[in-house]
Amino acid sequence: MQLLGRCLKGIHVIIHLLLVLMADQAPSFQTGNEEYGVIEVHNLDERAFMLSSHSRDIIQRIIGLHKYTTSTIFLFASPQ
């Protein structure tokens, strides 16, 4: 999942069934920033995301991505 996202660039939404798995794997997705370009990881279930300023910043970042971006944004969420 990581390799595919890094190669394709852009925005990738990952739905994890368990919050514990998501909390464990999300930090490992940020490795390799220099080799693969800018990699951002955001956990949509964190309390920080619920703050309007933080969610607004992420939305603006997503809107500002160009078609041929060198950035990869992973958005983690859970169905819970």
N, C-alpha and C. Protein backbone atom coordinates (compact mmCIF):
# COMPACT_ATOMS: atom_id res chain seq x y z
N MET A 1 0.82 -1.18 0.00
CA MET A 1 0.00 0.00 0.00
C MET A 1 0.87 1.26 0.00
N GLN A 2 1.93 1.25 0.82
CA GLN A 2 2.82 2.40 0.88
C GLN A 2 3.53 2.64 -0.44
N LEU A 3 4.08 1.59 -0.99
CA LEU A 3 4.85 1.72 -2.23
C LEU A 3 3.98 2.21 -3.37
N LEU A 4 2.80 1.67 -3.50
CA LEU A 4 1.89 2.08 -4.57
C LEU A 4 1.52 3.55 -4.42
N GLY A 5 1.20 3.97 -3.19
CA GLY A 5 0.86 5.37 -2.95
C GLY A 5 2.00 6.31 -3.26
N ARG A 6 3.20 5.91 -2.89
CA ARG A 6 4.37 6.76 -3.15
C ARG A 6 4.67 6.88 -4.64
N CYS A 7 4.45 5.81 -5.36
CA CYS A 7 4.73 5.84 -6.80
C CYS A 7 3.66 6.61 -7.58
N LEU A 8 2.41 6.50 -7.16
CA LEU A 8 1.32 7.16 -7.88
C LEU A 8 1.17 8.63 -7.53
N LYS A 9 1.65 9.04 -6.35
CA LYS A 9 1.54 10.42 -5.86
C LYS A 9 0.06 10.79 -5.67
N GLY A 10 -0.19 11.99 -5.21
CA GLY A 10 -1.55 12.47 -5.03
C GLY A 10 -2.14 12.09 -3.68
N ILE A 11 -3.46 11.94 -3.65
CA ILE A 11 -4.20 11.70 -2.41
C ILE A 11 -4.65 10.25 -2.36
N HIS A 12 -4.44 9.61 -1.21
CA HIS A 12 -4.85 8.22 -1.02
C HIS A 12 -5.58 8.10 0.31
N VAL A 13 -6.81 7.61 0.26
CA VAL A 13 -7.60 7.41 1.48
C VAL A 13 -7.49 5.94 1.86
N ILE A 14 -7.10 5.69 3.10
CA ILE A 14 -6.93 4.33 3.59
C ILE A 14 -7.90 4.13 4.74
N ILE A 15 -8.78 3.16 4.60
CA ILE A 15 -9.75 2.84 5.64
C ILE A 15 -9.24 1.63 6.40
N HIS A 16 -8.99 1.82 7.69
CA HIS A 16 -8.54 0.73 8.57
C HIS A 16 -9.71 0.34 9.46
N LEU A 17 -9.90 -0.94 9.63
CA LEU A 17 -11.00 -1.41 10.46
C LEU A 17 -10.73 -1.22 11.94
N LEU A 18 -9.47 -1.23 12.34
CA LEU A 18 -9.13 -1.11 13.75
C LEU A 18 -8.29 0.14 14.00
N LEU A 19 -8.69 0.94 14.97
CA LEU A 19 -7.95 2.16 15.30
C LEU A 19 -6.53 1.86 15.74
N VAL A 20 -6.33 0.73 16.42
CA VAL A 20 -5.01 0.36 16.91
C VAL A 20 -4.06 0.12 15.74
N LEU A 21 -4.53 -0.57 14.71
CA LEU A 21 -3.69 -0.81 13.52
C LEU A 21 -3.34 0.50 12.84
N MET A 22 -4.31 1.38 12.74
CA MET A 22 -4.09 2.65 12.07
C MET A 22 -3.04 3.47 12.83
N ALA A 23 -3.16 3.52 14.14
CA ALA A 23 -2.20 4.28 14.95
C ALA A 23 -0.80 3.69 14.84
N ASP A 24 -0.71 2.38 14.64
CA ASP A 24 0.57 1.70 14.52
C ASP A 24 1.21 1.94 13.16
N GLN A 25 0.42 1.92 12.10
CA GLN A 25 0.97 1.98 10.75
C GLN A 25 1.13 3.39 10.20
N ALA A 26 0.33 4.32 10.63
CA ALA A 26 0.37 5.67 10.07
C ALA A 26 1.76 6.31 10.13
N PRO A 27 2.48 6.26 11.26
CA PRO A 27 3.82 6.89 11.29
C PRO A 27 4.81 6.28 10.30
N SER A 28 4.70 5.00 10.02
CA SER A 28 5.64 4.36 9.10
C SER A 28 5.44 4.83 7.67
N PHE A 29 4.30 5.41 7.35
CA PHE A 29 4.04 5.89 5.99
C PHE A 29 4.83 7.15 5.68
N GLN A 30 5.34 7.86 6.66
CA GLN A 30 6.07 9.09 6.43
C GLN A 30 7.55 8.87 6.14
N THR A 31 8.03 7.65 6.22
CA THR A 31 9.43 7.40 5.93
C THR A 31 9.69 7.55 4.44
N GLY A 32 10.88 7.94 4.09
CA GLY A 32 11.25 8.04 2.68
C GLY A 32 10.88 9.35 2.03
N ASN A 33 10.72 10.42 2.80
CA ASN A 33 10.32 11.70 2.22
C ASN A 33 11.25 12.18 1.11
N GLU A 34 12.52 12.08 1.31
CA GLU A 34 13.46 12.62 0.32
C GLU A 34 13.49 11.79 -0.95
N GLU A 35 13.40 10.48 -0.81
CA GLU A 35 13.47 9.60 -1.98
C GLU A 35 12.21 9.66 -2.84
N TYR A 36 11.06 9.83 -2.20
CA TYR A 36 9.78 9.77 -2.93
C TYR A 36 9.07 11.11 -3.01
N GLY A 37 9.70 12.19 -2.63
CA GLY A 37 9.03 13.48 -2.60
C GLY A 37 8.39 13.70 -1.24
N VAL A 38 7.56 14.70 -1.14
CA VAL A 38 6.91 15.03 0.12
C VAL A 38 5.80 14.03 0.41
N ILE A 39 5.83 13.44 1.60
CA ILE A 39 4.81 12.49 2.01
C ILE A 39 4.16 13.04 3.28
N GLU A 40 2.83 13.19 3.24
CA GLU A 40 2.08 13.65 4.40
C GLU A 40 1.15 12.53 4.84
N VAL A 41 0.97 12.40 6.14
CA VAL A 41 0.06 11.41 6.69
C VAL A 41 -0.85 12.12 7.68
N HIS A 42 -2.15 11.95 7.49
CA HIS A 42 -3.13 12.56 8.38
C HIS A 42 -4.12 11.51 8.84
N ASN A 43 -4.34 11.47 10.14
CA ASN A 43 -5.30 10.55 10.73
C ASN A 43 -6.59 11.32 10.94
N LEU A 44 -7.62 11.02 10.16
CA LEU A 44 -8.88 11.76 10.24
C LEU A 44 -9.66 11.48 11.50
N ASP A 45 -9.26 10.49 12.27
CA ASP A 45 -9.95 10.16 13.52
C ASP A 45 -9.31 10.83 14.74
N GLU A 46 -8.21 11.53 14.57
CA GLU A 46 -7.56 12.19 15.69
C GLU A 46 -8.34 13.43 16.09
N ARG A 47 -8.23 13.78 17.34
CA ARG A 47 -8.92 14.98 17.83
C ARG A 47 -8.37 16.24 17.17
N ALA A 48 -7.10 16.24 16.83
CA ALA A 48 -6.51 17.43 16.20
C ALA A 48 -7.19 17.74 14.87
N PHE A 49 -7.61 16.69 14.14
CA PHE A 49 -8.27 16.92 12.86
C PHE A 49 -9.62 17.60 13.07
N MET A 50 -10.24 17.34 14.20
CA MET A 50 -11.56 17.92 14.46
C MET A 50 -11.49 19.42 14.69
N LEU A 51 -10.32 19.94 15.03
CA LEU A 51 -10.17 21.38 15.17
C LEU A 51 -10.33 22.02 13.79
N SER A 52 -11.14 23.00 13.68
CA SER A 52 -11.47 23.57 12.38
C SER A 52 -10.24 24.10 11.64
N SER A 53 -9.29 24.67 12.35
CA SER A 53 -8.11 25.22 11.67
C SER A 53 -7.27 24.12 11.05
N HIS A 54 -7.11 22.99 11.77
CA HIS A 54 -6.32 21.88 11.25
C HIS A 54 -6.99 21.25 10.03
N SER A 55 -8.28 21.00 10.11
CA SER A 55 -8.98 20.40 8.97
C SER A 55 -9.00 21.36 7.78
N ARG A 56 -9.12 22.64 8.04
CA ARG A 56 -9.08 23.63 6.96
C ARG A 56 -7.73 23.64 6.26
N ASP A 57 -6.64 23.51 7.03
CA ASP A 57 -5.30 23.46 6.45
C ASP A 57 -5.13 22.25 5.54
N ILE A 58 -5.63 21.11 5.98
CA ILE A 58 -5.52 19.90 5.16
C ILE A 58 -6.35 20.03 3.88
N ILE A 59 -7.54 20.56 4.00
CA ILE A 59 -8.40 20.74 2.82
C ILE A 59 -7.75 21.70 1.83
N GLN A 60 -7.17 22.79 2.32
CA GLN A 60 -6.48 23.73 1.44
C GLN A 60 -5.28 23.08 0.76
N ARG A 61 -4.57 22.25 1.50
CA ARG A 61 -3.42 21.53 0.93
C ARG A 61 -3.86 20.61 -0.20
N ILE A 62 -4.97 19.90 0.01
CA ILE A 62 -5.51 18.99 -1.01
C ILE A 62 -5.97 19.76 -2.23
N ILE A 63 -6.68 20.85 -2.01
CA ILE A 63 -7.17 21.67 -3.13
C ILE A 63 -6.00 22.24 -3.93
N GLY A 64 -4.92 22.57 -3.25
CA GLY A 64 -3.77 23.19 -3.91
C GLY A 64 -2.86 22.22 -4.66
N LEU A 65 -3.13 20.93 -4.60
CA LEU A 65 -2.27 19.98 -5.32
C LEU A 65 -2.43 20.13 -6.82
N HIS A 66 -1.34 20.09 -7.52
CA HIS A 66 -1.36 20.16 -8.97
C HIS A 66 -1.50 18.77 -9.56
N LYS A 67 -1.91 18.70 -10.81
CA LYS A 67 -2.10 17.42 -11.47
C LYS A 67 -0.83 16.58 -11.48
N TYR A 68 0.30 17.19 -11.68
CA TYR A 68 1.57 16.47 -11.74
C TYR A 68 2.39 16.69 -10.47
N THR A 69 1.76 16.53 -9.34
CA THR A 69 2.41 16.77 -8.06
C THR A 69 3.48 15.71 -7.75
N THR A 70 4.44 16.11 -6.96
CA THR A 70 5.43 15.16 -6.46
C THR A 70 5.14 14.80 -5.02
N SER A 71 4.00 15.26 -4.50
CA SER A 71 3.60 15.00 -3.13
C SER A 71 2.63 13.82 -3.05
N THR A 72 2.66 13.16 -1.92
CA THR A 72 1.72 12.08 -1.64
C THR A 72 1.06 12.39 -0.30
N ILE A 73 -0.26 12.34 -0.27
CA ILE A 73 -1.00 12.58 0.97
C ILE A 73 -1.79 11.32 1.29
N PHE A 74 -1.49 10.71 2.42
CA PHE A 74 -2.25 9.55 2.91
C PHE A 74 -3.22 10.04 3.96
N LEU A 75 -4.50 9.74 3.77
CA LEU A 75 -5.53 10.08 4.75
C LEU A 75 -6.03 8.77 5.36
N PHE A 76 -5.81 8.62 6.64
CA PHE A 76 -6.27 7.41 7.35
C PHE A 76 -7.60 7.69 8.02
N ALA A 77 -8.51 6.75 7.92
CA ALA A 77 -9.82 6.86 8.58
C ALA A 77 -10.28 5.47 8.98
N SER A 78 -11.25 5.44 9.86
CA SER A 78 -11.84 4.16 10.27
C SER A 78 -13.34 4.25 10.14
N PRO A 79 -14.01 3.13 9.90
CA PRO A 79 -15.47 3.16 9.80
C PRO A 79 -16.14 3.36 11.15
N GLN A 80 -15.37 3.32 12.22
CA GLN A 80 -15.94 3.50 13.56
C GLN A 80 -16.31 4.93 13.70
